[in-house]
């Protein structure tokens, strides 16, 4: 049995090895692709995505799914670690501690066109100043079903993406054409106005406001707004509101065709709708 003195010497030797400049080797077999090569593959993937459809980076789960399609098989945790170490993660906002949510539960639906979510944000144009952006998102497929930009953020402009979606899904804007559909929205003045609510009633759409001070209740549209800002509004300049409006319509097509969603098995919104319609 080693003496106390022996243990002291061993401890000193271990400390010397710990404090040396020797970089510890990774345990286990050498991976087929190094971290640097994996980071380069992710950069190439993002460059190709931006060239093909304008998508500027994604989260690590979607990145992992796209890498597998390129026959690059690495662990998802490793993808997260490499993206973090090489500065490839999208910037995130620092959250705050929250208590139990009044709305705790599921806000997505099982079928398309059962609930849409709508929300608004604002941006600046170079020549015409402030502009408002309004969207409508399907809670099941995640599709952009309507999108619009205007210099004024009033109730009539807020209705435009809803009317777009109604025409696209139900053929025309007429009384009770969208009966059975619900619209999730916040308590903004546009959405709670008499004119906005009257149009929903005319179309047969049930108004479904989220809880006050609980934006997660409108999480589908809220989360999409973050994607829209990161992929378009914060990375491009627009001279006029009309230029912005046309860019939003292009983004709607690109998003529905190319953006993959984890909850749908990393399929695009259009693919998710097609699969659900075929299974009906």
C-alpha atoms as a PDB file:
ATOM      1  CA  UNK A   1       0.000   0.000   0.000  1.00  0.00           C
ATOM      2  CA  UNK A   2       1.547   3.370  -0.988  1.00  0.00           C
ATOM      3  CA  UNK A   3       2.477   5.705   1.814  1.00  0.00           C
ATOM      4  CA  UNK A   4       1.242   9.231   2.320  1.00  0.00           C
ATOM      5  CA  UNK A   5       4.529  10.450   0.906  1.00  0.00           C
ATOM      6  CA  UNK A   6       4.026   8.394  -2.244  1.00  0.00           C
ATOM      7  CA  UNK A   7       0.594   9.884  -2.758  1.00  0.00           C
ATOM      8  CA  UNK A   8       2.003  13.367  -2.319  1.00  0.00           C
ATOM      9  CA  UNK A   9       4.617  12.726  -5.007  1.00  0.00           C
ATOM     10  CA  UNK A  10       1.961  11.308  -7.350  1.00  0.00           C
ATOM     11  CA  UNK A  11      -0.197  14.362  -6.753  1.00  0.00           C
ATOM     12  CA  UNK A  12       2.675  16.678  -7.610  1.00  0.00           C
ATOM     13  CA  UNK A  13       3.393  14.740 -10.806  1.00  0.00           C
ATOM     14  CA  UNK A  14      -0.288  14.885 -11.822  1.00  0.00           C
ATOM     15  CA  UNK A  15      -0.354  18.637 -11.153  1.00  0.00           C
ATOM     16  CA  UNK A  16       2.758  19.125 -13.269  1.00  0.00           C
ATOM     17  CA  UNK A  17       1.164  17.219 -16.148  1.00  0.00           C
ATOM     18  CA  UNK A  18      -2.042  19.201 -15.755  1.00  0.00           C
ATOM     19  CA  UNK A  19      -0.222  22.550 -15.861  1.00  0.00           C
ATOM     20  CA  UNK A  20       1.953  21.600 -18.847  1.00  0.00           C
ATOM     21  CA  UNK A  21       1.327  22.915 -22.369  1.00  0.00           C
ATOM     22  CA  UNK A  22       0.532  19.440 -23.703  1.00  0.00           C
ATOM     23  CA  UNK A  23      -2.935  19.417 -25.298  1.00  0.00           C
ATOM     24  CA  UNK A  24      -4.897  16.346 -24.174  1.00  0.00           C
ATOM     25  CA  UNK A  25      -5.866  14.026 -27.020  1.00  0.00           C
ATOM     26  CA  UNK A  26      -9.469  13.219 -27.790  1.00  0.00           C
ATOM     27  CA  UNK A  27     -10.449   9.864 -26.356  1.00  0.00           C
ATOM     28  CA  UNK A  28     -11.764   7.103 -28.565  1.00  0.00           C
ATOM     29  CA  UNK A  29     -11.288   6.461 -32.280  1.00  0.00           C
ATOM     30  CA  UNK A  30     -10.454   9.309 -34.621  1.00  0.00           C
ATOM     31  CA  UNK A  31     -13.655  10.642 -36.281  1.00  0.00           C
ATOM     32  CA  UNK A  32     -14.074  10.374 -40.033  1.00  0.00           C
ATOM     33  CA  UNK A  33     -14.278  14.168 -40.307  1.00  0.00           C
ATOM     34  CA  UNK A  34     -12.428  16.652 -38.106  1.00  0.00           C
ATOM     35  CA  UNK A  35     -14.077  19.577 -36.357  1.00  0.00           C
ATOM     36  CA  UNK A  36     -12.470  22.028 -38.778  1.00  0.00           C
ATOM     37  CA  UNK A  37     -13.671  19.996 -41.765  1.00  0.00           C
ATOM     38  CA  UNK A  38     -17.160  19.792 -40.264  1.00  0.00           C
ATOM     39  CA  UNK A  39     -17.205  23.570 -39.745  1.00  0.00           C
ATOM     40  CA  UNK A  40     -16.150  24.052 -43.387  1.00  0.00           C
ATOM     41  CA  UNK A  41     -18.912  21.672 -44.508  1.00  0.00           C
ATOM     42  CA  UNK A  42     -21.470  23.699 -42.542  1.00  0.00           C
ATOM     43  CA  UNK A  43     -20.202  26.954 -44.067  1.00  0.00           C
ATOM     44  CA  UNK A  44     -20.422  25.415 -47.551  1.00  0.00           C
ATOM     45  CA  UNK A  45     -23.948  24.202 -46.755  1.00  0.00           C
ATOM     46  CA  UNK A  46     -25.027  27.685 -45.687  1.00  0.00           C
ATOM     47  CA  UNK A  47     -23.402  29.277 -48.734  1.00  0.00           C
ATOM     48  CA  UNK A  48     -25.272  26.871 -51.012  1.00  0.00           C
ATOM     49  CA  UNK A  49     -28.557  27.487 -49.207  1.00  0.00           C
ATOM     50  CA  UNK A  50     -28.145  31.234 -49.568  1.00  0.00           C
ATOM     51  CA  UNK A  51     -27.259  30.906 -53.256  1.00  0.00           C
ATOM     52  CA  UNK A  52     -30.169  28.552 -53.968  1.00  0.00           C
ATOM     53  CA  UNK A  53     -32.998  30.074 -51.960  1.00  0.00           C
ATOM     54  CA  UNK A  54     -31.711  32.972 -49.844  1.00  0.00           C
ATOM     55  CA  UNK A  55     -31.708  31.123 -46.490  1.00  0.00           C
ATOM     56  CA  UNK A  56     -28.933  32.561 -44.315  1.00  0.00           C
ATOM     57  CA  UNK A  57     -28.083  29.903 -41.735  1.00  0.00           C
ATOM     58  CA  UNK A  58     -30.267  27.682 -39.553  1.00  0.00           C
ATOM     59  CA  UNK A  59     -30.338  26.127 -36.105  1.00  0.00           C
ATOM     60  CA  UNK A  60     -28.153  23.148 -35.274  1.00  0.00           C
ATOM     61  CA  UNK A  61     -30.991  20.596 -35.491  1.00  0.00           C
ATOM     62  CA  UNK A  62     -31.871  21.599 -39.049  1.00  0.00           C
ATOM     63  CA  UNK A  63     -28.193  21.806 -39.917  1.00  0.00           C
ATOM     64  CA  UNK A  64     -27.730  18.256 -38.630  1.00  0.00           C
ATOM     65  CA  UNK A  65     -30.666  17.066 -40.756  1.00  0.00           C
ATOM     66  CA  UNK A  66     -29.312  18.749 -43.900  1.00  0.00           C
ATOM     67  CA  UNK A  67     -25.813  17.314 -43.298  1.00  0.00           C
ATOM     68  CA  UNK A  68     -27.272  13.798 -43.156  1.00  0.00           C
ATOM     69  CA  UNK A  69     -28.858  14.391 -46.559  1.00  0.00           C
ATOM     70  CA  UNK A  70     -25.344  15.210 -47.808  1.00  0.00           C
ATOM     71  CA  UNK A  71     -24.135  11.866 -46.370  1.00  0.00           C
ATOM     72  CA  UNK A  72     -22.209  13.581 -43.571  1.00  0.00           C
ATOM     73  CA  UNK A  73     -23.114  11.473 -40.553  1.00  0.00           C
ATOM     74  CA  UNK A  74     -22.093  13.089 -37.264  1.00  0.00           C
ATOM     75  CA  UNK A  75     -23.821  13.375 -33.914  1.00  0.00           C
ATOM     76  CA  UNK A  76     -26.279  16.205 -33.357  1.00  0.00           C
ATOM     77  CA  UNK A  77     -24.524  17.238 -30.137  1.00  0.00           C
ATOM     78  CA  UNK A  78     -21.267  17.473 -32.040  1.00  0.00           C
ATOM     79  CA  UNK A  79     -22.868  19.698 -34.655  1.00  0.00           C
ATOM     80  CA  UNK A  80     -24.027  22.012 -31.865  1.00  0.00           C
ATOM     81  CA  UNK A  81     -20.572  22.059 -30.267  1.00  0.00           C
ATOM     82  CA  UNK A  82     -18.764  22.780 -33.539  1.00  0.00           C
ATOM     83  CA  UNK A  83     -21.245  25.481 -34.535  1.00  0.00           C
ATOM     84  CA  UNK A  84     -20.790  27.110 -31.132  1.00  0.00           C
ATOM     85  CA  UNK A  85     -16.969  26.898 -31.193  1.00  0.00           C
ATOM     86  CA  UNK A  86     -16.696  28.219 -34.759  1.00  0.00           C
ATOM     87  CA  UNK A  87     -19.249  31.011 -34.334  1.00  0.00           C
ATOM     88  CA  UNK A  88     -21.840  29.510 -36.679  1.00  0.00           C
ATOM     89  CA  UNK A  89     -24.858  29.704 -34.385  1.00  0.00           C
ATOM     90  CA  UNK A  90     -27.440  32.400 -35.006  1.00  0.00           C
ATOM     91  CA  UNK A  91     -27.403  35.160 -32.374  1.00  0.00           C
ATOM     92  CA  UNK A  92     -30.037  34.667 -29.688  1.00  0.00           C
ATOM     93  CA  UNK A  93     -31.653  37.060 -27.297  1.00  0.00           C
ATOM     94  CA  UNK A  94     -31.132  36.590 -23.571  1.00  0.00           C
ATOM     95  CA  UNK A  95     -34.340  35.373 -21.996  1.00  0.00           C
ATOM     96  CA  UNK A  96     -35.771  35.984 -18.572  1.00  0.00           C
ATOM     97  CA  UNK A  97     -37.133  33.723 -15.909  1.00  0.00           C
ATOM     98  CA  UNK A  98     -40.822  32.999 -16.338  1.00  0.00           C
ATOM     99  CA  UNK A  99     -43.386  31.433 -14.103  1.00  0.00           C
ATOM    100  CA  UNK A 100     -46.092  28.949 -15.127  1.00  0.00           C
ATOM    101  CA  UNK A 101     -47.885  29.973 -18.311  1.00  0.00           C
ATOM    102  CA  UNK A 102     -51.624  30.503 -18.372  1.00  0.00           C
ATOM    103  CA  UNK A 103     -51.710  29.017 -21.874  1.00  0.00           C
ATOM    104  CA  UNK A 104     -49.608  25.912 -21.110  1.00  0.00           C
ATOM    105  CA  UNK A 105     -50.525  23.367 -23.772  1.00  0.00           C
ATOM    106  CA  UNK A 106     -50.440  22.825 -27.526  1.00  0.00           C
ATOM    107  CA  UNK A 107     -51.142  25.638 -29.987  1.00  0.00           C
ATOM    108  CA  UNK A 108     -50.447  23.721 -33.214  1.00  0.00           C
ATOM    109  CA  UNK A 109     -53.235  21.845 -34.989  1.00  0.00           C
ATOM    110  CA  UNK A 110     -53.505  18.448 -36.667  1.00  0.00           C
ATOM    111  CA  UNK A 111     -54.970  19.676 -39.949  1.00  0.00           C
ATOM    112  CA  UNK A 112     -54.228  22.656 -42.212  1.00  0.00           C
ATOM    113  CA  UNK A 113     -56.610  25.617 -42.198  1.00  0.00           C
ATOM    114  CA  UNK A 114     -57.976  24.939 -38.714  1.00  0.00           C
ATOM    115  CA  UNK A 115     -56.109  27.865 -37.144  1.00  0.00           C
ATOM    116  CA  UNK A 116     -53.993  30.652 -38.571  1.00  0.00           C
ATOM    117  CA  UNK A 117     -51.836  33.020 -36.580  1.00  0.00           C
ATOM    118  CA  UNK A 118     -51.233  36.648 -37.454  1.00  0.00           C
ATOM    119  CA  UNK A 119     -48.740  39.221 -36.215  1.00  0.00           C
ATOM    120  CA  UNK A 120     -47.004  42.441 -37.236  1.00  0.00           C
ATOM    121  CA  UNK A 121     -43.547  43.957 -37.072  1.00  0.00           C
ATOM    122  CA  UNK A 122     -41.948  47.104 -38.399  1.00  0.00           C
ATOM    123  CA  UNK A 123     -38.870  47.985 -40.415  1.00  0.00           C
ATOM    124  CA  UNK A 124     -37.371  50.996 -42.205  1.00  0.00           C
ATOM    125  CA  UNK A 125     -37.146  51.799 -45.901  1.00  0.00           C
ATOM    126  CA  UNK A 126     -34.433  54.100 -47.220  1.00  0.00           C
ATOM    127  CA  UNK A 127     -36.678  56.537 -49.095  1.00  0.00           C
ATOM    128  CA  UNK A 128     -40.076  56.271 -47.386  1.00  0.00           C
ATOM    129  CA  UNK A 129     -39.201  55.684 -43.751  1.00  0.00           C
ATOM    130  CA  UNK A 130     -41.068  53.314 -41.478  1.00  0.00           C
ATOM    131  CA  UNK A 131     -43.064  50.391 -42.852  1.00  0.00           C
ATOM    132  CA  UNK A 132     -45.250  47.788 -41.197  1.00  0.00           C
ATOM    133  CA  UNK A 133     -45.159  44.101 -42.097  1.00  0.00           C
ATOM    134  CA  UNK A 134     -48.167  41.820 -41.501  1.00  0.00           C
ATOM    135  CA  UNK A 135     -48.224  38.019 -41.822  1.00  0.00           C
ATOM    136  CA  UNK A 136     -50.587  35.073 -41.515  1.00  0.00           C
ATOM    137  CA  UNK A 137     -49.178  31.607 -40.694  1.00  0.00           C
ATOM    138  CA  UNK A 138     -50.906  28.217 -40.680  1.00  0.00           C
ATOM    139  CA  UNK A 139     -50.615  26.650 -37.207  1.00  0.00           C
ATOM    140  CA  UNK A 140     -50.411  23.125 -38.630  1.00  0.00           C
ATOM    141  CA  UNK A 141     -48.072  23.294 -41.624  1.00  0.00           C
ATOM    142  CA  UNK A 142     -46.174  26.471 -40.725  1.00  0.00           C
ATOM    143  CA  UNK A 143     -46.890  27.903 -44.181  1.00  0.00           C
ATOM    144  CA  UNK A 144     -46.979  31.596 -44.882  1.00  0.00           C
ATOM    145  CA  UNK A 145     -50.553  31.888 -46.093  1.00  0.00           C
ATOM    146  CA  UNK A 146     -50.510  35.691 -46.362  1.00  0.00           C
ATOM    147  CA  UNK A 147     -47.920  38.472 -46.136  1.00  0.00           C
ATOM    148  CA  UNK A 148     -48.113  42.229 -46.685  1.00  0.00           C
ATOM    149  CA  UNK A 149     -46.239  45.511 -46.181  1.00  0.00           C
ATOM    150  CA  UNK A 150     -47.657  49.024 -45.879  1.00  0.00           C
ATOM    151  CA  UNK A 151     -46.546  52.449 -44.752  1.00  0.00           C
ATOM    152  CA  UNK A 152     -49.445  52.570 -42.289  1.00  0.00           C
ATOM    153  CA  UNK A 153     -50.188  49.873 -39.750  1.00  0.00           C
ATOM    154  CA  UNK A 154     -53.949  50.267 -39.500  1.00  0.00           C
ATOM    155  CA  UNK A 155     -56.689  47.640 -39.246  1.00  0.00           C
ATOM    156  CA  UNK A 156     -57.304  47.534 -43.013  1.00  0.00           C
ATOM    157  CA  UNK A 157     -53.652  46.765 -43.773  1.00  0.00           C
ATOM    158  CA  UNK A 158     -53.682  44.112 -41.023  1.00  0.00           C
ATOM    159  CA  UNK A 159     -56.576  42.415 -42.819  1.00  0.00           C
ATOM    160  CA  UNK A 160     -54.705  42.110 -46.129  1.00  0.00           C
ATOM    161  CA  UNK A 161     -52.757  38.878 -45.341  1.00  0.00           C
ATOM    162  CA  UNK A 162     -55.983  37.339 -44.010  1.00  0.00           C
ATOM    163  CA  UNK A 163     -57.834  38.213 -47.209  1.00  0.00           C
ATOM    164  CA  UNK A 164     -54.907  36.872 -49.271  1.00  0.00           C
ATOM    165  CA  UNK A 165     -55.060  33.572 -47.399  1.00  0.00           C
ATOM    166  CA  UNK A 166     -58.838  33.301 -47.733  1.00  0.00           C
ATOM    167  CA  UNK A 167     -58.647  33.826 -51.506  1.00  0.00           C
ATOM    168  CA  UNK A 168     -55.812  31.279 -51.810  1.00  0.00           C
ATOM    169  CA  UNK A 169     -57.439  28.583 -49.657  1.00  0.00           C
ATOM    170  CA  UNK A 170     -61.181  29.107 -50.209  1.00  0.00           C
ATOM    171  CA  UNK A 171     -61.357  30.709 -53.638  1.00  0.00           C
ATOM    172  CA  UNK A 172     -62.866  34.105 -52.853  1.00  0.00           C
ATOM    173  CA  UNK A 173     -63.705  36.497 -50.059  1.00  0.00           C
ATOM    174  CA  UNK A 174     -67.376  36.036 -49.280  1.00  0.00           C
ATOM    175  CA  UNK A 175     -69.629  35.539 -46.287  1.00  0.00           C
ATOM    176  CA  UNK A 176     -68.895  32.467 -44.131  1.00  0.00           C
ATOM    177  CA  UNK A 177     -66.460  31.083 -46.720  1.00  0.00           C
ATOM    178  CA  UNK A 178     -63.931  30.242 -43.969  1.00  0.00           C
ATOM    179  CA  UNK A 179     -66.365  28.840 -41.392  1.00  0.00           C
ATOM    180  CA  UNK A 180     -64.582  26.498 -38.981  1.00  0.00           C
ATOM    181  CA  UNK A 181     -61.295  28.412 -39.125  1.00  0.00           C
ATOM    182  CA  UNK A 182     -59.908  30.279 -36.094  1.00  0.00           C
ATOM    183  CA  UNK A 183     -57.452  33.202 -36.134  1.00  0.00           C
ATOM    184  CA  UNK A 184     -54.941  33.610 -33.295  1.00  0.00           C
ATOM    185  CA  UNK A 185     -53.788  37.192 -32.730  1.00  0.00           C
ATOM    186  CA  UNK A 186     -52.580  39.447 -29.950  1.00  0.00           C
ATOM    187  CA  UNK A 187     -54.379  42.402 -28.398  1.00  0.00           C
ATOM    188  CA  UNK A 188     -52.968  45.025 -30.761  1.00  0.00           C
ATOM    189  CA  UNK A 189     -55.344  47.829 -31.621  1.00  0.00           C
ATOM    190  CA  UNK A 190     -55.531  46.720 -35.269  1.00  0.00           C
ATOM    191  CA  UNK A 191     -56.682  43.231 -34.319  1.00  0.00           C
ATOM    192  CA  UNK A 192     -59.131  44.249 -31.611  1.00  0.00           C
ATOM    193  CA  UNK A 193     -60.699  47.011 -33.702  1.00  0.00           C
ATOM    194  CA  UNK A 194     -64.358  46.829 -34.671  1.00  0.00           C
ATOM    195  CA  UNK A 195     -63.555  46.743 -38.408  1.00  0.00           C
ATOM    196  CA  UNK A 196     -61.081  43.848 -38.089  1.00  0.00           C
ATOM    197  CA  UNK A 197     -63.407  41.777 -35.911  1.00  0.00           C
ATOM    198  CA  UNK A 198     -66.355  42.506 -38.176  1.00  0.00           C
ATOM    199  CA  UNK A 199     -64.453  41.207 -41.209  1.00  0.00           C
ATOM    200  CA  UNK A 200     -63.545  38.006 -39.352  1.00  0.00           C
ATOM    201  CA  UNK A 201     -67.189  37.556 -38.442  1.00  0.00           C
ATOM    202  CA  UNK A 202     -68.220  38.131 -42.073  1.00  0.00           C
ATOM    203  CA  UNK A 203     -65.783  35.460 -43.262  1.00  0.00           C
ATOM    204  CA  UNK A 204     -66.925  32.995 -40.618  1.00  0.00           C
ATOM    205  CA  UNK A 205     -63.521  33.038 -38.865  1.00  0.00           C
ATOM    206  CA  UNK A 206     -63.491  32.666 -35.095  1.00  0.00           C
ATOM    207  CA  UNK A 207     -61.407  35.320 -33.328  1.00  0.00           C
ATOM    208  CA  UNK A 208     -58.924  33.652 -30.916  1.00  0.00           C
ATOM    209  CA  UNK A 209     -56.925  36.324 -29.052  1.00  0.00           C
ATOM    210  CA  UNK A 210     -53.942  35.149 -27.029  1.00  0.00           C
ATOM    211  CA  UNK A 211     -53.795  35.828 -23.297  1.00  0.00           C
ATOM    212  CA  UNK A 212     -52.731  39.329 -22.277  1.00  0.00           C
ATOM    213  CA  UNK A 213     -48.962  39.560 -21.698  1.00  0.00           C
ATOM    214  CA  UNK A 214     -48.545  35.965 -22.871  1.00  0.00           C
ATOM    215  CA  UNK A 215     -46.996  36.272 -26.371  1.00  0.00           C
ATOM    216  CA  UNK A 216     -46.233  32.538 -26.404  1.00  0.00           C
ATOM    217  CA  UNK A 217     -49.948  31.957 -26.983  1.00  0.00           C
ATOM    218  CA  UNK A 218     -49.372  33.447 -30.424  1.00  0.00           C
ATOM    219  CA  UNK A 219     -46.071  31.587 -30.683  1.00  0.00           C
ATOM    220  CA  UNK A 220     -46.460  30.296 -34.236  1.00  0.00           C
ATOM    221  CA  UNK A 221     -46.629  33.777 -35.751  1.00  0.00           C
ATOM    222  CA  UNK A 222     -44.209  35.240 -33.186  1.00  0.00           C
ATOM    223  CA  UNK A 223     -41.551  32.625 -33.970  1.00  0.00           C
ATOM    224  CA  UNK A 224     -41.991  33.122 -37.688  1.00  0.00           C
ATOM    225  CA  UNK A 225     -41.418  36.861 -37.259  1.00  0.00           C
ATOM    226  CA  UNK A 226     -37.994  36.144 -35.794  1.00  0.00           C
ATOM    227  CA  UNK A 227     -37.123  34.028 -38.832  1.00  0.00           C
ATOM    228  CA  UNK A 228     -38.388  36.738 -41.184  1.00  0.00           C
ATOM    229  CA  UNK A 229     -36.242  39.354 -39.443  1.00  0.00           C
ATOM    230  CA  UNK A 230     -33.105  37.189 -39.409  1.00  0.00           C
ATOM    231  CA  UNK A 231     -33.479  36.003 -43.007  1.00  0.00           C
ATOM    232  CA  UNK A 232     -34.763  39.161 -44.715  1.00  0.00           C
ATOM    233  CA  UNK A 233     -35.582  42.324 -42.793  1.00  0.00           C
ATOM    234  CA  UNK A 234     -32.258  42.624 -40.925  1.00  0.00           C
ATOM    235  CA  UNK A 235     -30.017  41.657 -43.845  1.00  0.00           C
ATOM    236  CA  UNK A 236     -31.457  43.627 -46.775  1.00  0.00           C
ATOM    237  CA  UNK A 237     -32.183  47.278 -47.448  1.00  0.00           C
ATOM    238  CA  UNK A 238     -35.338  48.387 -49.262  1.00  0.00           C
ATOM    239  CA  UNK A 239     -35.773  51.785 -50.844  1.00  0.00           C
ATOM    240  CA  UNK A 240     -39.571  51.820 -50.900  1.00  0.00           C
ATOM    241  CA  UNK A 241     -42.484  50.055 -49.254  1.00  0.00           C
ATOM    242  CA  UNK A 242     -43.441  48.578 -52.627  1.00  0.00           C
ATOM    243  CA  UNK A 243     -39.970  47.082 -53.033  1.00  0.00           C
ATOM    244  CA  UNK A 244     -40.335  45.582 -49.550  1.00  0.00           C
ATOM    245  CA  UNK A 245     -43.794  44.205 -50.372  1.00  0.00           C
ATOM    246  CA  UNK A 246     -42.532  42.448 -53.497  1.00  0.00           C
ATOM    247  CA  UNK A 247     -39.558  41.021 -51.577  1.00  0.00           C
ATOM    248  CA  UNK A 248     -41.959  39.634 -48.976  1.00  0.00           C
ATOM    249  CA  UNK A 249     -43.954  37.843 -51.671  1.00  0.00           C
ATOM    250  CA  UNK A 250     -40.741  36.312 -53.000  1.00  0.00           C
ATOM    251  CA  UNK A 251     -39.794  35.283 -49.480  1.00  0.00           C
ATOM    252  CA  UNK A 252     -43.193  33.630 -49.028  1.00  0.00           C
ATOM    253  CA  UNK A 253     -42.524  31.385 -52.021  1.00  0.00           C
ATOM    254  CA  UNK A 254     -38.951  30.603 -50.918  1.00  0.00           C
ATOM    255  CA  UNK A 255     -39.964  29.861 -47.331  1.00  0.00           C
ATOM    256  CA  UNK A 256     -42.861  27.579 -48.205  1.00  0.00           C
ATOM    257  CA  UNK A 257     -40.737  25.696 -50.762  1.00  0.00           C
ATOM    258  CA  UNK A 258     -37.364  25.497 -48.960  1.00  0.00           C
ATOM    259  CA  UNK A 259     -37.577  26.110 -45.191  1.00  0.00           C
ATOM    260  CA  UNK A 260     -37.583  22.823 -43.265  1.00  0.00           C
ATOM    261  CA  UNK A 261     -39.468  22.294 -39.997  1.00  0.00           C
ATOM    262  CA  UNK A 262     -38.370  19.822 -37.328  1.00  0.00           C
ATOM    263  CA  UNK A 263     -41.908  19.009 -36.203  1.00  0.00           C
ATOM    264  CA  UNK A 264     -42.714  17.786 -39.716  1.00  0.00           C
ATOM    265  CA  UNK A 265     -39.698  15.494 -39.946  1.00  0.00           C
ATOM    266  CA  UNK A 266     -37.562  18.236 -41.519  1.00  0.00           C
ATOM    267  CA  UNK A 267     -39.936  18.699 -44.424  1.00  0.00           C
ATOM    268  CA  UNK A 268     -40.899  22.037 -45.911  1.00  0.00           C
ATOM    269  CA  UNK A 269     -44.317  23.616 -45.247  1.00  0.00           C
ATOM    270  CA  UNK A 270     -45.467  22.742 -48.760  1.00  0.00           C
ATOM    271  CA  UNK A 271     -44.354  19.132 -48.319  1.00  0.00           C
ATOM    272  CA  UNK A 272     -46.131  18.964 -44.970  1.00  0.00           C
ATOM    273  CA  UNK A 273     -49.405  20.189 -46.492  1.00  0.00           C
ATOM    274  CA  UNK A 274     -49.140  17.793 -49.409  1.00  0.00           C
ATOM    275  CA  UNK A 275     -48.567  14.835 -47.084  1.00  0.00           C
ATOM    276  CA  UNK A 276     -51.481  15.787 -44.816  1.00  0.00           C
ATOM    277  CA  UNK A 277     -53.857  16.309 -47.746  1.00  0.00           C
ATOM    278  CA  UNK A 278     -52.831  12.974 -49.281  1.00  0.00           C
ATOM    279  CA  UNK A 279     -53.432  11.189 -45.952  1.00  0.00           C
ATOM    280  CA  UNK A 280     -56.902  12.678 -45.502  1.00  0.00           C
END
